[in-house]
N, C-alpha and C. Protein backbone atom coordinates (compact mmCIF):
# COMPACT_ATOMS: atom_id res chain seq x y z
N MET A 1 56.28 43.05 -73.93
CA MET A 1 57.56 42.38 -73.84
C MET A 1 57.33 40.96 -73.37
N GLY A 2 57.93 39.99 -74.05
CA GLY A 2 57.84 38.60 -73.67
C GLY A 2 58.95 38.22 -72.70
N SER A 3 58.77 37.10 -72.04
CA SER A 3 59.81 36.63 -71.12
C SER A 3 59.87 35.11 -71.14
N SER A 4 61.04 34.61 -70.83
CA SER A 4 61.24 33.17 -70.71
C SER A 4 61.89 32.89 -69.37
N ALA A 5 61.60 31.73 -68.84
CA ALA A 5 62.17 31.33 -67.55
C ALA A 5 62.73 29.92 -67.68
N ARG A 6 63.55 29.55 -66.74
CA ARG A 6 64.08 28.20 -66.69
C ARG A 6 63.10 27.34 -65.90
N PHE A 7 62.72 26.20 -66.48
CA PHE A 7 61.84 25.24 -65.83
C PHE A 7 62.62 23.96 -65.62
N SER A 8 62.43 23.32 -64.47
CA SER A 8 63.15 22.10 -64.14
C SER A 8 62.18 21.02 -63.67
N CYS A 9 62.43 19.79 -64.11
CA CYS A 9 61.59 18.65 -63.72
C CYS A 9 62.06 18.10 -62.38
N SER A 10 61.11 17.87 -61.49
CA SER A 10 61.44 17.32 -60.18
C SER A 10 61.76 15.83 -60.24
N GLY A 11 61.39 15.16 -61.34
CA GLY A 11 61.60 13.72 -61.45
C GLY A 11 62.90 13.35 -62.14
N CYS A 12 63.08 13.83 -63.39
CA CYS A 12 64.24 13.42 -64.19
C CYS A 12 65.28 14.52 -64.37
N ARG A 13 65.03 15.69 -63.83
CA ARG A 13 65.95 16.84 -63.90
C ARG A 13 66.06 17.46 -65.29
N TYR A 14 65.12 17.15 -66.19
CA TYR A 14 65.08 17.81 -67.49
C TYR A 14 64.89 19.30 -67.26
N GLU A 15 65.57 20.14 -68.05
CA GLU A 15 65.41 21.59 -67.95
C GLU A 15 65.15 22.19 -69.33
N ALA A 16 64.37 23.27 -69.34
CA ALA A 16 64.08 24.00 -70.57
C ALA A 16 63.91 25.47 -70.24
N VAL A 17 64.32 26.33 -71.17
CA VAL A 17 64.09 27.77 -71.04
C VAL A 17 63.01 28.13 -72.05
N VAL A 18 61.80 28.37 -71.54
CA VAL A 18 60.63 28.67 -72.36
C VAL A 18 59.75 29.69 -71.64
N SER A 19 58.74 30.19 -72.34
CA SER A 19 57.81 31.16 -71.73
C SER A 19 56.87 30.50 -70.73
N GLY A 20 56.52 29.26 -70.97
CA GLY A 20 55.61 28.57 -70.06
C GLY A 20 54.15 28.76 -70.41
N GLY A 21 53.86 29.09 -71.68
CA GLY A 21 52.49 29.29 -72.14
C GLY A 21 52.46 30.29 -73.28
N ASP A 22 51.34 30.95 -73.48
CA ASP A 22 51.23 31.98 -74.51
C ASP A 22 51.99 33.21 -74.08
N ASP A 23 52.64 33.87 -75.04
CA ASP A 23 53.42 35.07 -74.73
C ASP A 23 53.38 36.00 -75.94
N ALA A 24 53.71 37.25 -75.72
CA ALA A 24 53.68 38.23 -76.80
C ALA A 24 54.78 39.26 -76.63
N GLY A 25 55.43 39.55 -77.74
CA GLY A 25 56.37 40.66 -77.83
C GLY A 25 55.76 41.71 -78.73
N MET A 26 56.56 42.68 -79.14
CA MET A 26 56.03 43.75 -79.98
C MET A 26 55.72 43.27 -81.40
N VAL A 27 56.46 42.26 -81.90
CA VAL A 27 56.25 41.80 -83.27
C VAL A 27 55.93 40.31 -83.38
N ALA A 28 55.91 39.59 -82.27
CA ALA A 28 55.68 38.14 -82.36
C ALA A 28 54.78 37.64 -81.24
N LEU A 29 53.95 36.66 -81.59
CA LEU A 29 53.16 35.91 -80.61
C LEU A 29 53.75 34.51 -80.56
N THR A 30 53.93 33.98 -79.38
CA THR A 30 54.48 32.63 -79.23
C THR A 30 53.63 31.82 -78.27
N THR A 31 53.83 30.52 -78.30
CA THR A 31 53.25 29.63 -77.31
C THR A 31 54.27 28.53 -77.02
N THR A 32 54.17 27.95 -75.85
CA THR A 32 55.04 26.84 -75.50
C THR A 32 54.34 25.54 -75.87
N VAL A 33 55.08 24.65 -76.53
CA VAL A 33 54.55 23.34 -76.89
C VAL A 33 55.42 22.24 -76.31
N SER A 34 54.78 21.10 -76.08
CA SER A 34 55.47 19.88 -75.70
C SER A 34 55.44 18.97 -76.91
N CYS A 35 56.62 18.57 -77.39
CA CYS A 35 56.71 17.72 -78.57
C CYS A 35 56.84 16.26 -78.13
N GLU A 36 55.90 15.44 -78.58
CA GLU A 36 55.92 14.02 -78.23
C GLU A 36 57.07 13.29 -78.94
N GLY A 37 57.46 13.73 -80.12
CA GLY A 37 58.53 13.09 -80.86
C GLY A 37 59.91 13.38 -80.29
N CYS A 38 60.13 14.62 -79.89
CA CYS A 38 61.45 15.03 -79.37
C CYS A 38 61.57 14.86 -77.85
N GLY A 39 60.43 14.88 -77.14
CA GLY A 39 60.47 14.87 -75.68
C GLY A 39 61.02 16.18 -75.14
N GLU A 40 60.71 17.28 -75.81
CA GLU A 40 61.23 18.60 -75.47
C GLU A 40 60.10 19.63 -75.38
N LEU A 41 60.38 20.71 -74.65
CA LEU A 41 59.51 21.89 -74.65
C LEU A 41 60.16 22.92 -75.56
N TYR A 42 59.32 23.59 -76.38
CA TYR A 42 59.79 24.63 -77.28
C TYR A 42 58.83 25.81 -77.23
N ASP A 43 59.35 27.01 -77.41
CA ASP A 43 58.52 28.18 -77.72
C ASP A 43 58.48 28.29 -79.23
N VAL A 44 57.28 28.36 -79.80
CA VAL A 44 57.13 28.44 -81.25
C VAL A 44 56.31 29.68 -81.63
N LEU A 45 56.63 30.23 -82.77
CA LEU A 45 55.93 31.39 -83.31
C LEU A 45 54.53 30.99 -83.73
N THR A 46 53.53 31.76 -83.29
CA THR A 46 52.15 31.46 -83.68
C THR A 46 51.50 32.61 -84.43
N GLY A 47 52.16 33.76 -84.53
CA GLY A 47 51.59 34.86 -85.26
C GLY A 47 52.22 36.19 -84.91
N SER A 48 51.56 37.24 -85.36
CA SER A 48 52.02 38.60 -85.13
C SER A 48 50.85 39.41 -84.59
N PRO A 49 51.10 40.25 -83.59
CA PRO A 49 49.99 41.06 -83.07
C PRO A 49 49.45 42.03 -84.11
N HIS A 50 50.25 42.35 -85.15
CA HIS A 50 49.84 43.31 -86.16
C HIS A 50 49.18 42.66 -87.36
N ALA A 51 49.50 41.39 -87.63
CA ALA A 51 48.97 40.72 -88.82
C ALA A 51 47.56 40.18 -88.60
N GLY A 52 47.22 39.90 -87.33
CA GLY A 52 45.89 39.41 -87.03
C GLY A 52 45.64 37.97 -87.45
N ARG A 53 46.69 37.24 -87.82
CA ARG A 53 46.48 35.84 -88.17
C ARG A 53 47.34 34.96 -87.27
N MET A 54 46.84 33.78 -87.00
CA MET A 54 47.53 32.84 -86.14
C MET A 54 47.84 31.57 -86.93
N THR A 55 48.94 30.93 -86.58
CA THR A 55 49.28 29.66 -87.19
C THR A 55 49.21 28.57 -86.13
N GLU A 56 48.98 27.34 -86.57
CA GLU A 56 48.96 26.22 -85.64
C GLU A 56 50.39 25.94 -85.19
N PRO A 57 50.58 25.71 -83.90
CA PRO A 57 51.92 25.40 -83.43
C PRO A 57 52.42 24.08 -84.02
N ALA A 58 53.72 24.03 -84.31
CA ALA A 58 54.34 22.83 -84.86
C ALA A 58 55.72 22.66 -84.24
N CYS A 59 56.21 21.43 -84.24
CA CYS A 59 57.55 21.15 -83.75
C CYS A 59 58.56 21.85 -84.66
N PRO A 60 59.52 22.61 -84.10
CA PRO A 60 60.50 23.29 -84.94
C PRO A 60 61.56 22.35 -85.52
N VAL A 61 61.66 21.14 -85.00
CA VAL A 61 62.63 20.17 -85.49
C VAL A 61 62.05 19.32 -86.61
N ASP A 62 60.81 18.87 -86.43
CA ASP A 62 60.13 18.04 -87.42
C ASP A 62 58.64 18.33 -87.35
N GLY A 63 58.13 19.02 -88.35
CA GLY A 63 56.73 19.43 -88.37
C GLY A 63 55.74 18.28 -88.32
N ALA A 64 56.21 17.05 -88.55
CA ALA A 64 55.32 15.88 -88.49
C ALA A 64 55.14 15.37 -87.05
N HIS A 65 56.00 15.81 -86.13
CA HIS A 65 55.86 15.36 -84.73
C HIS A 65 54.58 15.92 -84.12
N PRO A 66 53.86 15.13 -83.35
CA PRO A 66 52.68 15.66 -82.66
C PRO A 66 53.11 16.56 -81.49
N VAL A 67 52.47 17.72 -81.39
CA VAL A 67 52.73 18.65 -80.30
C VAL A 67 51.44 19.00 -79.59
N SER A 68 51.56 19.43 -78.35
CA SER A 68 50.40 19.95 -77.62
C SER A 68 50.84 21.21 -76.90
N ARG A 69 49.90 22.12 -76.75
CA ARG A 69 50.22 23.36 -76.01
C ARG A 69 50.56 22.98 -74.58
N TRP A 70 51.54 23.70 -74.02
CA TRP A 70 52.01 23.41 -72.66
C TRP A 70 51.98 24.71 -71.86
N GLU A 71 51.40 24.63 -70.67
CA GLU A 71 51.38 25.78 -69.76
C GLU A 71 51.88 25.33 -68.40
N HIS A 72 52.62 26.20 -67.76
CA HIS A 72 53.05 25.91 -66.40
C HIS A 72 51.87 26.10 -65.46
N PRO A 73 51.59 25.23 -64.52
CA PRO A 73 52.33 24.01 -64.23
C PRO A 73 51.86 22.88 -65.14
N GLY A 74 52.75 22.32 -65.87
CA GLY A 74 52.43 21.22 -66.77
C GLY A 74 53.40 20.08 -66.55
N PRO A 75 53.11 18.93 -67.12
CA PRO A 75 53.98 17.78 -66.91
C PRO A 75 55.27 17.86 -67.72
N CYS A 76 56.29 17.21 -67.23
CA CYS A 76 57.55 17.08 -67.94
C CYS A 76 57.30 16.30 -69.23
N PRO A 77 57.86 16.75 -70.36
CA PRO A 77 57.64 16.04 -71.62
C PRO A 77 58.36 14.70 -71.68
N ARG A 78 59.25 14.45 -70.73
CA ARG A 78 60.01 13.20 -70.75
C ARG A 78 59.48 12.16 -69.77
N CYS A 79 59.15 12.59 -68.53
CA CYS A 79 58.76 11.60 -67.52
C CYS A 79 57.37 11.83 -66.92
N GLY A 80 56.76 12.99 -67.19
CA GLY A 80 55.42 13.27 -66.69
C GLY A 80 55.36 13.88 -65.30
N SER A 81 56.50 14.02 -64.62
CA SER A 81 56.52 14.66 -63.29
C SER A 81 56.26 16.15 -63.43
N GLY A 82 56.11 16.82 -62.29
CA GLY A 82 55.87 18.26 -62.30
C GLY A 82 57.11 19.06 -62.67
N MET A 83 56.89 20.18 -63.35
CA MET A 83 57.97 21.09 -63.71
C MET A 83 57.89 22.31 -62.80
N GLU A 84 59.01 22.69 -62.22
CA GLU A 84 59.09 23.85 -61.34
C GLU A 84 59.66 25.03 -62.11
N ARG A 85 59.02 26.20 -61.94
CA ARG A 85 59.53 27.42 -62.57
C ARG A 85 60.63 27.97 -61.68
N LEU A 86 61.80 28.19 -62.28
CA LEU A 86 62.93 28.76 -61.56
C LEU A 86 63.09 30.22 -61.98
N GLU A 87 64.28 30.71 -62.02
CA GLU A 87 64.49 32.14 -62.29
C GLU A 87 64.19 32.52 -63.74
N GLU A 88 63.87 33.81 -63.89
CA GLU A 88 63.65 34.35 -65.22
C GLU A 88 64.99 34.42 -65.93
N GLU A 89 65.01 34.04 -67.19
CA GLU A 89 66.25 33.97 -67.95
C GLU A 89 66.36 35.06 -69.01
N VAL A 90 65.27 35.31 -69.74
CA VAL A 90 65.34 36.18 -70.92
C VAL A 90 64.12 37.08 -71.00
N LEU A 91 64.34 38.33 -71.33
CA LEU A 91 63.26 39.25 -71.71
C LEU A 91 63.43 39.52 -73.19
N TRP A 92 62.36 39.47 -73.96
CA TRP A 92 62.48 39.68 -75.40
C TRP A 92 61.34 40.55 -75.91
N ASP A 93 61.56 41.16 -77.06
CA ASP A 93 60.55 42.01 -77.69
C ASP A 93 60.06 41.41 -78.96
C-alpha cells in the first residue's frame, strides 16, 4: 500500500501532497519528482510491480520539462528551503 503526506516549505510556504520518494501500491510504482519548469512536486507513475518494466519519470504537465527525483528531506522546488513532512493525507493501493 502506498501513502502520501503533506509537505510544507519553511521558506515560501509552498505545500504539496506527495509520497516523498519511491512508493508502491498493488498495481503501480511511483516516484516523487521536482519539475524545474513548473516549480512543483509531483508523484508520477514509473511502472508496475507485475510488469517488471520501469519508465523514466516525466513531468505530467509537459513532458519536455526537466525533472529530477525528489526524496524527503529535499529542497523546495520553488525557493530551495527545507520541506517539512506534516500529516499523512492519503493511503492508496
